[in-house]
Amino acid sequence: MLNWDKLLSEKRLDDIVGVPPGLTSAVAEPSWLAKTRSAAERDYDRVRFAAPVRRLADKTQVFPLERNDSVRNRLTHSEEVSAIARSVGTHIAHSFHPARGIKGHERRLPAMLAAVGLAHDLGNPPFGHQGEEAIRHWFRQREALCFGNFREGKPPRGLGGVELEGALDMGRACRANPALKEDFLRFEGNAQTMRLVMRLQSSSNGFGLNLTCGTLASLMKYVVPSDAAKKSGPVASRKVGYFASEADLISKAREEVGLGSGVRHPLAHVLEACDDIAYSVLDTEDTVKKGLVSFPDLIAYLEAAAPADEAVQYVAKRSSEDHVLARKGKLAPSELNDVSMQKFRVHAINVLVSALIQTWGARYDAIVSGDQDESLLDVGPAAKLVEVLKRFDKEHAFRHTSVLGLEVDGFNKLNELMSMLWRGIVERESYDKPASKRTSPFADLAYSHISQNYRQAFEQPPEGGSSLPIRYRELQLLTDMVSGMTDSYAVYLHRRLGEFHVGASQRQV
């Protein structure tokens, strides 16, 4: 049985790993310096003030490069997940003790859920899930170059120098540890989130935001490395949870909170459910707001999709009733639409949050014993409502021609941009010296556009990171840079580098 005192551990990475020599402070704190915030509340603040959170405002939720400010982006989505998670956490903390062992954590638990709700999408690349697929595609198309996967054991003609040395080095390493290759072929924004908060966000001690172990473990919706993820089986193992570069830190954090192999943190179940609530309901609201379908279309869809389901019909009927009442106010059509969708959102979220809390109680023993293998919403009384809303979003938003066209454009731009940045990474004088001089003017230009803190992590890896092959670090520098971009910056940099990738400077990778 998991222990809540350990699960909500306030120890940070530097507490369990140790701070490198010379980085501890000798300054004495003033006697009046009060510790007014809990460690979990400070975690939330550390996430909220971090630059990657601000960049989410220019990352796709559903609609790429959206001009309508009222339609959600990754930041507004994450803030809404955070708000829902905090309110659920408040209920859990105050309503499930003392018999359930949560007593004494009334401040810590809601703050921890608020922090992970805000942080859960930080690693997502530009252009939504198409950005993830573009990254995977680039690596699949270049397996020989990246992983030394040569047909008939022979390097391709023209592959030499740093690129050939790196491919041979990586090929040997991948045979010993397949995760080194799968980290890229199965690139996942969830794992990149863990890397960002643990490594990439600038810090003096090399631990990124240096969050508490309780928060880090709660942030992991998926808990397996890239070579162990399976589409079937327990939900916590269906996607990549972390990369090889963070495996050691992940292991230490999970050990600190008392989690065994393959076991999710109880709050990760809540995070997953709150994320599902937010995107299933709020993506529907945005689809109607954009005029892709009407409010009556939505209600008709719900009524026809599950005529016998209590949750679906309750939301449809209550929303329809409010729509009829709102029409009496003689609102303009756009205002009527907005008011009706606001009421729909209120009813749908209320039903789904209530279902989540009910299921948390019913499945509590399985959750804290590590035996809960399914999503809490999928086994709750509103499972059909979630299913129907996700299907509605897929049919009317994700598959809309306007969305598909922009996604294809983003997919192509990211692939071309990765090839140009790759030249900046590998066209250098020495394979063993990542900071050595670039061997072409274009490579010098491309490398200069990679963020300095990412380059530093590549050129001067943290303790333990230097044991990874240099080719692995090259590939990870590429994914760090691309996944950290906003939508508009990716478009800008593609155009900027493309202006110089012509004539004698042009080279296909």
Protein backbone atom coordinates (compact mmCIF):
# COMPACT_ATOMS: atom_id res chain seq x y z
CA MET A 1 0.00 0.00 0.00
CA LEU A 2 1.39 3.40 -1.01
CA ASN A 3 2.04 5.92 1.75
CA TRP A 4 0.80 9.50 1.33
CA ASP A 5 3.61 11.01 3.40
CA LYS A 6 6.08 9.57 0.90
CA LEU A 7 3.89 10.13 -2.16
CA LEU A 8 3.81 13.87 -1.45
CA SER A 9 7.52 14.05 -0.63
CA GLU A 10 8.89 17.59 -0.49
CA LYS A 11 12.46 16.48 -1.13
CA ARG A 12 13.92 18.01 -4.27
CA LEU A 13 16.33 16.47 -6.75
CA ASP A 14 19.31 18.23 -5.22
CA ASP A 15 18.31 16.81 -1.82
CA ILE A 16 18.45 13.21 -3.00
CA VAL A 17 21.23 13.46 -5.60
CA GLY A 18 23.39 16.13 -3.98
CA VAL A 19 24.58 19.50 -5.21
CA PRO A 20 27.83 19.65 -7.21
CA PRO A 21 30.76 21.06 -5.20
CA GLY A 22 30.95 24.83 -5.08
CA LEU A 23 27.25 25.44 -5.79
CA THR A 24 25.93 25.61 -2.22
CA SER A 25 25.20 28.99 -0.68
CA ALA A 26 27.11 30.24 2.35
CA VAL A 27 24.77 33.21 2.88
CA ALA A 28 22.87 33.07 6.19
CA GLU A 29 19.12 33.67 5.95
CA PRO A 30 17.60 36.55 7.96
CA SER A 31 15.85 35.32 11.09
CA TRP A 32 12.55 36.84 9.95
CA LEU A 33 12.57 35.10 6.56
CA ALA A 34 9.39 33.06 6.95
CA LYS A 35 8.64 29.95 4.94
CA THR A 36 5.06 30.91 4.14
CA ARG A 37 4.61 28.60 1.15
CA SER A 38 4.69 24.84 1.15
CA ALA A 39 7.20 23.13 -1.14
CA ALA A 40 4.34 22.12 -3.47
CA GLU A 41 3.10 25.72 -3.63
CA ARG A 42 6.61 26.81 -4.53
CA ASP A 43 6.64 24.11 -7.24
CA TYR A 44 3.57 25.71 -8.77
CA ASP A 45 5.23 29.12 -8.70
CA ARG A 46 8.43 27.75 -10.23
CA VAL A 47 6.44 26.31 -13.10
CA ARG A 48 4.24 29.39 -13.51
CA PHE A 49 7.17 31.80 -13.78
CA ALA A 50 9.19 29.61 -16.16
CA ALA A 51 9.67 30.81 -19.73
CA PRO A 52 8.41 27.55 -21.34
CA VAL A 53 4.99 28.22 -19.79
CA ARG A 54 4.79 31.62 -21.48
CA ARG A 55 5.72 30.01 -24.79
CA LEU A 56 2.64 27.78 -24.55
CA ALA A 57 0.58 30.85 -25.50
CA ASP A 58 1.88 30.42 -29.06
CA LYS A 59 1.54 26.65 -29.33
CA THR A 60 -1.32 24.78 -30.94
CA GLN A 61 -4.03 23.15 -28.87
CA VAL A 62 -6.30 22.13 -31.77
CA PHE A 63 -6.24 24.96 -34.29
CA PRO A 64 -2.73 25.87 -35.58
CA LEU A 65 -1.75 29.56 -35.81
CA GLU A 66 -5.23 30.57 -34.62
CA ARG A 67 -6.05 34.30 -34.97
CA ASN A 68 -9.14 34.25 -32.76
CA ASP A 69 -8.01 35.16 -29.24
CA SER A 70 -11.01 33.47 -27.64
CA VAL A 71 -9.99 30.06 -29.05
CA ARG A 72 -7.69 28.08 -26.79
CA ASN A 73 -3.97 27.58 -27.14
CA ARG A 74 -1.69 25.29 -25.12
CA LEU A 75 -1.36 27.84 -22.34
CA THR A 76 -5.07 28.39 -21.79
CA HIS A 77 -5.60 24.63 -22.00
CA SER A 78 -2.90 24.01 -19.39
CA GLU A 79 -4.28 26.69 -17.08
CA GLU A 80 -7.72 25.10 -17.30
CA VAL A 81 -6.33 21.63 -16.56
CA SER A 82 -4.52 23.16 -13.59
CA ALA A 83 -7.70 24.80 -12.29
CA ILE A 84 -9.75 21.60 -12.57
CA ALA A 85 -6.96 19.54 -10.98
CA ARG A 86 -6.61 21.95 -8.06
CA SER A 87 -10.34 21.87 -7.29
CA VAL A 88 -10.40 18.06 -7.45
CA GLY A 89 -7.34 17.96 -5.22
CA THR A 90 -9.00 20.25 -2.68
CA HIS A 91 -11.97 17.89 -2.47
CA ILE A 92 -9.76 14.82 -2.16
CA ALA A 93 -7.60 16.40 0.53
CA HIS A 94 -10.54 17.49 2.66
CA SER A 95 -12.97 14.63 2.09
CA PHE A 96 -10.88 11.47 2.13
CA HIS A 97 -9.06 11.74 5.46
CA PRO A 98 -8.38 10.59 8.11
CA ALA A 99 -9.44 7.05 7.19
CA ARG A 100 -7.64 7.23 3.83
CA GLY A 101 -4.34 8.49 5.25
CA ILE A 102 -4.38 11.91 3.57
CA LYS A 103 -4.78 13.96 6.75
CA GLY A 104 -2.29 16.81 7.07
CA HIS A 105 -1.84 17.39 3.35
CA GLU A 106 -4.73 19.81 2.79
CA ARG A 107 -2.44 22.49 1.33
CA ARG A 108 0.14 20.27 -0.32
CA LEU A 109 -2.10 18.02 -2.43
CA PRO A 110 -4.13 20.71 -4.29
CA ALA A 111 -0.97 22.75 -4.97
CA MET A 112 0.83 19.71 -6.36
CA LEU A 113 -2.05 18.96 -8.72
CA ALA A 114 -2.20 22.59 -9.81
CA ALA A 115 1.53 22.48 -10.60
CA VAL A 116 1.40 19.29 -12.68
CA GLY A 117 -1.74 20.47 -14.48
CA LEU A 118 0.10 23.60 -15.59
CA ALA A 119 3.29 21.73 -16.52
CA HIS A 120 1.91 18.65 -18.26
CA ASP A 121 2.23 19.92 -21.86
CA LEU A 122 5.51 21.86 -21.59
CA GLY A 123 7.37 19.38 -23.80
CA ASN A 124 4.89 19.43 -26.66
CA PRO A 125 6.40 20.70 -29.93
CA PRO A 126 4.77 23.30 -32.19
CA PHE A 127 1.73 22.37 -34.30
CA GLY A 128 0.26 19.99 -31.74
CA HIS A 129 0.45 16.24 -32.22
CA GLN A 130 1.47 16.72 -35.85
CA GLY A 131 4.65 18.27 -34.48
CA GLU A 132 5.39 15.05 -32.61
CA GLU A 133 4.74 13.02 -35.73
CA ALA A 134 6.97 15.32 -37.82
CA ILE A 135 9.86 14.73 -35.40
CA ARG A 136 9.37 10.95 -35.48
CA HIS A 137 9.11 11.00 -39.28
CA TRP A 138 12.42 12.85 -39.66
CA PHE A 139 14.22 10.16 -37.67
CA ARG A 140 12.47 7.28 -39.42
CA GLN A 141 13.60 8.64 -42.78
CA ARG A 142 17.23 8.89 -41.62
CA GLU A 143 17.86 5.71 -39.62
CA ALA A 144 21.25 5.13 -41.24
CA LEU A 145 22.43 8.66 -40.58
CA CYS A 146 21.12 8.78 -37.01
CA PHE A 147 21.46 5.24 -35.70
CA GLY A 148 24.00 3.49 -37.93
CA ASN A 149 21.27 1.20 -39.26
CA PHE A 150 23.03 0.41 -42.55
CA ARG A 151 21.50 -1.93 -45.11
CA GLU A 152 23.82 -4.87 -45.76
CA GLY A 153 26.10 -3.38 -43.12
CA LYS A 154 27.45 -0.72 -45.48
CA PRO A 155 27.25 3.06 -44.86
CA PRO A 156 25.42 5.04 -47.57
CA ARG A 157 27.61 6.62 -50.22
CA GLY A 158 28.61 10.14 -49.20
CA LEU A 159 28.31 9.54 -45.47
CA GLY A 160 31.63 10.46 -43.90
CA GLY A 161 33.42 12.54 -41.32
CA VAL A 162 31.48 13.49 -38.19
CA GLU A 163 28.24 12.03 -39.52
CA LEU A 164 29.73 8.59 -40.21
CA GLU A 165 31.67 8.53 -36.92
CA GLY A 166 28.49 9.41 -35.04
CA ALA A 167 26.41 6.80 -36.87
CA LEU A 168 28.91 4.02 -36.09
CA ASP A 169 29.14 5.13 -32.45
CA MET A 170 25.35 5.24 -32.08
CA GLY A 171 24.89 1.91 -33.82
CA ARG A 172 27.09 0.18 -31.24
CA ALA A 173 25.29 1.89 -28.36
CA CYS A 174 21.80 1.06 -29.68
CA ARG A 175 22.62 -2.62 -29.89
CA ALA A 176 23.35 -2.53 -26.16
CA ASN A 177 20.45 -0.22 -25.24
CA PRO A 178 17.53 -0.07 -27.71
CA ALA A 179 15.97 2.84 -25.79
CA LEU A 180 18.63 5.16 -27.22
CA LYS A 181 17.08 4.68 -30.66
CA GLU A 182 13.44 4.43 -29.59
CA ASP A 183 13.68 7.76 -27.73
CA PHE A 184 13.64 9.40 -31.17
CA LEU A 185 11.62 7.01 -33.31
CA ARG A 186 8.88 7.20 -30.66
CA PHE A 187 9.49 10.79 -29.57
CA GLU A 188 6.85 11.83 -27.06
CA GLY A 189 5.94 15.24 -25.66
CA ASN A 190 5.25 13.71 -22.24
CA ALA A 191 8.84 12.50 -21.94
CA GLN A 192 10.15 15.83 -23.25
CA THR A 193 8.19 17.55 -20.46
CA MET A 194 10.11 15.53 -17.87
CA ARG A 195 13.39 16.40 -19.59
CA LEU A 196 12.53 20.07 -19.68
CA VAL A 197 11.63 20.44 -16.01
CA MET A 198 14.51 18.20 -14.83
CA ARG A 199 17.33 19.24 -17.15
CA LEU A 200 16.75 21.96 -19.71
CA GLN A 201 15.24 24.86 -17.83
CA SER A 202 18.25 26.98 -16.87
CA SER A 203 19.58 26.38 -13.38
CA SER A 204 22.89 26.54 -11.59
CA ASN A 205 22.74 22.99 -10.21
CA GLY A 206 21.76 21.09 -13.38
CA PHE A 207 18.35 19.98 -12.10
CA GLY A 208 16.16 22.31 -14.15
CA LEU A 209 13.29 23.66 -12.06
CA ASN A 210 14.39 21.35 -9.23
CA LEU A 211 10.83 20.35 -8.39
CA THR A 212 9.93 18.11 -5.46
CA CYS A 213 9.94 14.36 -6.01
CA GLY A 214 6.20 14.26 -5.25
CA THR A 215 5.47 16.74 -8.03
CA LEU A 216 7.78 15.02 -10.53
CA ALA A 217 6.20 11.62 -9.91
CA SER A 218 2.68 13.09 -10.16
CA LEU A 219 3.58 14.68 -13.51
CA MET A 220 4.31 11.29 -15.08
CA LYS A 221 1.15 10.06 -16.78
CA TYR A 222 3.34 7.36 -18.35
CA VAL A 223 6.01 5.51 -16.40
CA VAL A 224 8.04 3.37 -18.83
CA PRO A 225 11.06 4.06 -21.08
CA SER A 226 10.72 4.23 -24.85
CA ASP A 227 11.61 0.58 -25.50
CA ALA A 228 8.93 -0.68 -23.08
CA ALA A 229 5.88 1.36 -24.15
CA LYS A 230 3.00 -0.71 -25.60
CA LYS A 231 -0.29 0.45 -27.09
CA SER A 232 -2.14 -2.31 -25.26
CA GLY A 233 -1.97 -3.13 -21.58
CA PRO A 234 -2.00 -0.82 -18.55
CA VAL A 235 -2.72 2.79 -19.45
CA ALA A 236 0.44 4.02 -17.69
CA SER A 237 2.61 2.03 -20.14
CA ARG A 238 0.96 3.02 -23.43
CA LYS A 239 3.27 5.93 -24.20
CA VAL A 240 6.88 6.86 -23.52
CA GLY A 241 7.25 8.28 -20.02
CA TYR A 242 10.89 9.37 -20.04
CA PHE A 243 14.05 9.31 -22.12
CA ALA A 244 17.30 7.46 -21.40
CA SER A 245 18.96 10.79 -20.55
CA GLU A 246 16.69 11.24 -17.51
CA ALA A 247 16.30 7.59 -16.49
CA ASP A 248 18.61 7.81 -13.48
CA LEU A 249 16.93 10.92 -12.04
CA ILE A 250 13.48 9.48 -12.68
CA SER A 251 14.44 6.30 -10.84
CA LYS A 252 15.68 8.27 -7.82
CA ALA A 253 12.57 10.47 -7.68
CA ARG A 254 10.20 7.50 -7.94
CA GLU A 255 12.15 5.58 -5.31
CA GLU A 256 11.87 8.56 -2.97
CA VAL A 257 8.06 8.57 -3.20
CA GLY A 258 7.80 4.79 -2.89
CA LEU A 259 6.65 3.80 -6.39
CA GLY A 260 7.51 0.39 -7.77
CA SER A 261 8.21 -0.44 -11.41
CA GLY A 262 5.31 0.37 -13.73
CA VAL A 263 3.19 1.94 -10.97
CA ARG A 264 1.60 5.33 -11.44
CA HIS A 265 1.49 7.98 -8.74
CA PRO A 266 -2.15 8.28 -7.54
CA LEU A 267 -2.21 11.95 -8.54
CA ALA A 268 -1.11 11.05 -12.08
CA HIS A 269 -4.49 9.32 -12.44
CA VAL A 270 -6.16 12.59 -11.46
CA LEU A 271 -3.96 14.58 -13.84
CA GLU A 272 -4.85 12.31 -16.75
CA ALA A 273 -8.57 12.60 -16.01
CA CYS A 274 -8.44 16.41 -15.67
CA ASP A 275 -6.58 16.66 -18.97
CA ASP A 276 -9.25 14.50 -20.62
CA ILE A 277 -12.03 16.64 -19.11
CA ALA A 278 -10.44 19.84 -20.33
CA TYR A 279 -9.73 18.84 -23.90
CA SER A 280 -12.89 16.81 -24.52
CA VAL A 281 -15.22 19.57 -23.29
CA LEU A 282 -13.25 22.69 -24.18
CA ASP A 283 -12.14 21.56 -27.62
CA THR A 284 -15.84 21.04 -28.32
CA GLU A 285 -16.55 24.58 -27.16
CA ASP A 286 -13.85 25.97 -29.46
CA THR A 287 -15.15 23.98 -32.42
CA VAL A 288 -18.56 25.62 -32.05
CA LYS A 289 -17.02 29.04 -31.36
CA LYS A 290 -15.11 28.87 -34.63
CA GLY A 291 -18.34 28.16 -36.46
CA LEU A 292 -17.30 24.74 -37.75
CA VAL A 293 -20.57 23.40 -36.32
CA SER A 294 -23.52 25.02 -34.54
CA PHE A 295 -24.78 24.59 -30.99
CA PRO A 296 -27.91 22.74 -32.24
CA ASP A 297 -25.59 20.43 -34.24
CA LEU A 298 -23.76 19.55 -31.03
CA ILE A 299 -26.94 18.84 -29.08
CA ALA A 300 -28.36 16.71 -31.89
CA TYR A 301 -25.10 14.76 -32.02
CA LEU A 302 -25.18 14.07 -28.27
CA GLU A 303 -28.83 13.02 -28.27
CA ALA A 304 -28.34 10.64 -31.19
CA ALA A 305 -25.01 9.20 -30.07
CA ALA A 306 -26.13 7.85 -26.69
CA PRO A 307 -29.92 8.09 -26.27
CA ALA A 308 -29.94 5.84 -23.21
CA ASP A 309 -26.92 7.23 -21.36
CA GLU A 310 -27.80 9.24 -18.28
CA ALA A 311 -24.76 11.57 -18.28
CA VAL A 312 -24.92 12.37 -22.00
CA GLN A 313 -28.65 13.06 -21.97
CA TYR A 314 -28.45 15.17 -18.80
CA VAL A 315 -25.82 17.47 -20.36
CA ALA A 316 -27.74 17.67 -23.65
CA LYS A 317 -31.10 18.43 -22.03
CA ARG A 318 -29.79 20.95 -19.47
CA SER A 319 -27.80 22.75 -22.18
CA SER A 320 -30.82 22.81 -24.51
CA GLU A 321 -33.01 24.18 -21.72
CA ASP A 322 -30.53 26.99 -21.03
CA HIS A 323 -30.31 27.71 -24.77
CA VAL A 324 -34.10 28.19 -24.95
CA LEU A 325 -34.02 30.52 -21.94
CA ALA A 326 -31.14 32.53 -23.42
CA ARG A 327 -33.07 33.05 -26.66
CA LYS A 328 -35.68 35.00 -24.69
CA GLY A 329 -33.01 37.61 -23.99
CA LYS A 330 -32.99 38.65 -27.66
CA LEU A 331 -29.23 38.21 -27.90
CA ALA A 332 -27.31 38.60 -31.12
CA PRO A 333 -26.63 35.23 -32.78
CA SER A 334 -22.93 35.24 -31.81
CA GLU A 335 -23.78 36.15 -28.20
CA LEU A 336 -26.45 33.45 -28.04
CA ASN A 337 -23.93 30.93 -29.32
CA ASP A 338 -21.34 31.97 -26.72
CA VAL A 339 -23.82 31.91 -23.83
CA SER A 340 -25.18 28.52 -24.86
CA MET A 341 -21.69 27.02 -25.10
CA GLN A 342 -20.74 28.49 -21.72
CA LYS A 343 -23.73 26.73 -20.18
CA PHE A 344 -22.80 23.53 -21.98
CA ARG A 345 -19.27 23.80 -20.60
CA VAL A 346 -20.55 24.32 -17.05
CA HIS A 347 -22.83 21.29 -17.16
CA ALA A 348 -20.32 19.00 -18.89
CA ILE A 349 -17.41 19.83 -16.58
CA ASN A 350 -19.64 19.52 -13.51
CA VAL A 351 -20.75 16.03 -14.60
CA LEU A 352 -17.23 14.87 -15.44
CA VAL A 353 -15.59 16.23 -12.29
CA SER A 354 -18.32 14.63 -10.17
CA ALA A 355 -17.79 11.35 -12.01
CA LEU A 356 -14.03 11.56 -11.43
CA ILE A 357 -14.44 12.15 -7.69
CA GLN A 358 -17.00 9.34 -7.41
CA THR A 359 -14.67 6.95 -9.22
CA TRP A 360 -11.68 8.05 -7.13
CA GLY A 361 -13.57 6.95 -4.04
CA ALA A 362 -14.81 3.70 -5.56
CA ARG A 363 -11.36 2.77 -6.92
CA TYR A 364 -9.28 4.22 -4.08
CA ASP A 365 -7.91 0.89 -2.83
CA ALA A 366 -6.78 -0.13 -6.33
CA ILE A 367 -5.22 3.31 -6.89
CA VAL A 368 -3.10 3.31 -3.73
CA SER A 369 -2.09 -0.31 -4.13
CA GLY A 370 -0.82 0.39 -7.66
CA ASP A 371 -3.40 -1.92 -9.27
CA GLN A 372 -5.50 0.67 -11.13
CA ASP A 373 -4.69 -0.05 -14.78
CA GLU A 374 -7.46 1.95 -16.48
CA SER A 375 -8.24 5.63 -16.85
CA LEU A 376 -10.57 6.76 -14.06
CA LEU A 377 -12.96 8.44 -16.49
CA ASP A 378 -13.18 5.30 -18.63
CA VAL A 379 -14.54 3.26 -15.71
CA GLY A 380 -16.75 5.99 -14.20
CA PRO A 381 -20.44 6.87 -14.59
CA ALA A 382 -19.71 9.47 -17.30
CA ALA A 383 -17.48 7.29 -19.50
CA LYS A 384 -19.91 7.51 -22.42
CA LEU A 385 -19.95 11.31 -22.30
CA VAL A 386 -16.17 11.45 -22.63
CA GLU A 387 -16.25 8.95 -25.49
CA VAL A 388 -18.93 10.86 -27.39
CA LEU A 389 -17.25 14.25 -26.95
CA LYS A 390 -13.88 12.91 -28.12
CA ARG A 391 -15.55 11.41 -31.17
CA PHE A 392 -17.35 14.69 -31.88
CA ASP A 393 -14.06 16.64 -31.63
CA LYS A 394 -12.30 14.21 -33.95
CA GLU A 395 -15.01 14.32 -36.60
CA HIS A 396 -15.71 18.06 -36.56
CA ALA A 397 -12.44 19.68 -35.46
CA PHE A 398 -9.38 17.47 -35.85
CA ARG A 399 -10.49 16.21 -39.29
CA HIS A 400 -11.72 19.57 -40.61
CA THR A 401 -10.03 20.53 -43.88
CA SER A 402 -8.83 23.88 -42.50
CA VAL A 403 -7.06 22.13 -39.63
CA LEU A 404 -5.63 19.34 -41.79
CA GLY A 405 -4.17 21.81 -44.28
CA LEU A 406 -2.35 23.80 -41.60
CA GLU A 407 -1.12 20.60 -39.96
CA VAL A 408 0.39 19.38 -43.24
CA ASP A 409 2.08 22.75 -43.74
CA GLY A 410 3.48 22.62 -40.19
CA PHE A 411 4.60 19.01 -40.68
CA ASN A 412 6.54 19.94 -43.83
CA LYS A 413 8.09 23.05 -42.29
CA LEU A 414 9.33 21.15 -39.22
CA ASN A 415 10.92 18.43 -41.37
CA GLU A 416 12.77 20.99 -43.48
CA LEU A 417 13.74 23.01 -40.42
CA MET A 418 15.16 19.94 -38.68
CA SER A 419 17.36 19.21 -41.69
CA MET A 420 18.74 22.74 -41.67
CA LEU A 421 19.40 22.73 -37.92
CA TRP A 422 21.02 19.30 -38.20
CA ARG A 423 23.67 20.78 -40.44
CA GLY A 424 24.47 23.29 -37.73
CA ILE A 425 24.90 20.49 -35.21
CA VAL A 426 27.06 18.01 -37.16
CA GLU A 427 29.03 20.09 -39.66
CA ARG A 428 31.96 20.71 -37.32
CA GLU A 429 35.64 19.91 -37.24
CA SER A 430 35.68 17.28 -34.49
CA TYR A 431 33.12 14.65 -33.51
CA ASP A 432 34.55 14.38 -30.00
CA LYS A 433 34.43 18.16 -29.45
CA PRO A 434 30.82 19.34 -29.87
CA ALA A 435 31.82 23.00 -29.52
CA SER A 436 34.48 22.80 -32.25
CA LYS A 437 34.35 25.17 -35.21
CA ARG A 438 31.58 24.68 -37.77
CA THR A 439 32.86 23.76 -41.22
CA SER A 440 30.49 25.81 -43.36
CA PRO A 441 29.00 29.32 -43.12
CA PHE A 442 25.47 27.89 -43.20
CA ALA A 443 26.22 25.44 -40.38
CA ASP A 444 27.61 28.32 -38.32
CA LEU A 445 24.44 30.33 -38.94
CA ALA A 446 22.12 27.42 -38.11
CA TYR A 447 23.99 26.52 -34.92
CA SER A 448 23.89 30.13 -33.72
CA HIS A 449 20.06 30.00 -33.84
CA ILE A 450 19.90 27.10 -31.35
CA SER A 451 19.14 28.31 -27.82
CA GLN A 452 22.25 28.82 -25.74
CA ASN A 453 21.06 26.76 -22.76
CA TYR A 454 20.31 23.83 -25.10
CA ARG A 455 23.76 24.13 -26.68
CA GLN A 456 25.31 24.20 -23.22
CA ALA A 457 23.52 20.98 -22.25
CA PHE A 458 24.93 19.45 -25.44
CA GLU A 459 28.50 20.76 -25.17
CA GLN A 460 28.81 20.40 -21.37
CA PRO A 461 26.42 17.61 -20.35
CA PRO A 462 25.44 17.27 -16.68
CA GLU A 463 26.92 14.53 -14.54
CA GLY A 464 25.89 11.18 -16.03
CA GLY A 465 24.92 12.72 -19.37
CA SER A 466 28.45 12.40 -20.75
CA SER A 467 28.10 8.61 -20.71
CA LEU A 468 25.58 8.84 -23.55
CA PRO A 469 26.92 8.65 -27.12
CA ILE A 470 27.69 12.00 -28.67
CA ARG A 471 25.34 11.14 -31.54
CA TYR A 472 22.52 10.64 -29.00
CA ARG A 473 23.28 14.09 -27.59
CA GLU A 474 23.31 15.55 -31.11
CA LEU A 475 19.90 14.09 -31.85
CA GLN A 476 18.58 15.27 -28.50
CA LEU A 477 19.85 18.80 -29.10
CA LEU A 478 17.80 18.78 -32.30
CA THR A 479 14.62 17.63 -30.52
CA ASP A 480 15.22 20.01 -27.61
CA MET A 481 15.38 22.95 -29.98
CA VAL A 482 12.45 21.99 -32.18
CA SER A 483 10.10 21.00 -29.37
CA GLY A 484 10.87 24.21 -27.51
CA MET A 485 9.75 26.43 -30.38
CA THR A 486 6.43 28.21 -30.61
CA ASP A 487 4.34 27.84 -33.75
CA SER A 488 5.18 31.30 -35.07
CA TYR A 489 8.89 31.04 -34.25
CA ALA A 490 9.09 27.74 -36.13
CA VAL A 491 7.54 29.44 -39.16
CA TYR A 492 9.93 32.40 -38.79
CA LEU A 493 13.07 30.28 -38.38
CA HIS A 494 12.10 28.05 -41.30
CA ARG A 495 11.83 31.14 -43.47
CA ARG A 496 14.97 32.76 -42.02
CA LEU A 497 17.26 29.77 -42.52
CA GLY A 498 15.59 28.91 -45.81
CA GLU A 499 16.63 32.27 -47.24
CA PHE A 500 20.27 31.21 -46.89
CA HIS A 501 19.85 27.52 -47.70
CA VAL A 502 20.31 28.13 -51.41
CA GLY A 503 23.04 27.92 -54.01
CA ALA A 504 26.40 26.80 -52.68
CA SER A 505 25.01 26.66 -49.12
CA GLN A 506 22.32 24.15 -50.00
CA ARG A 507 22.70 20.52 -49.03
CA GLN A 508 20.04 17.86 -48.61
CA VAL A 509 20.16 15.89 -45.35
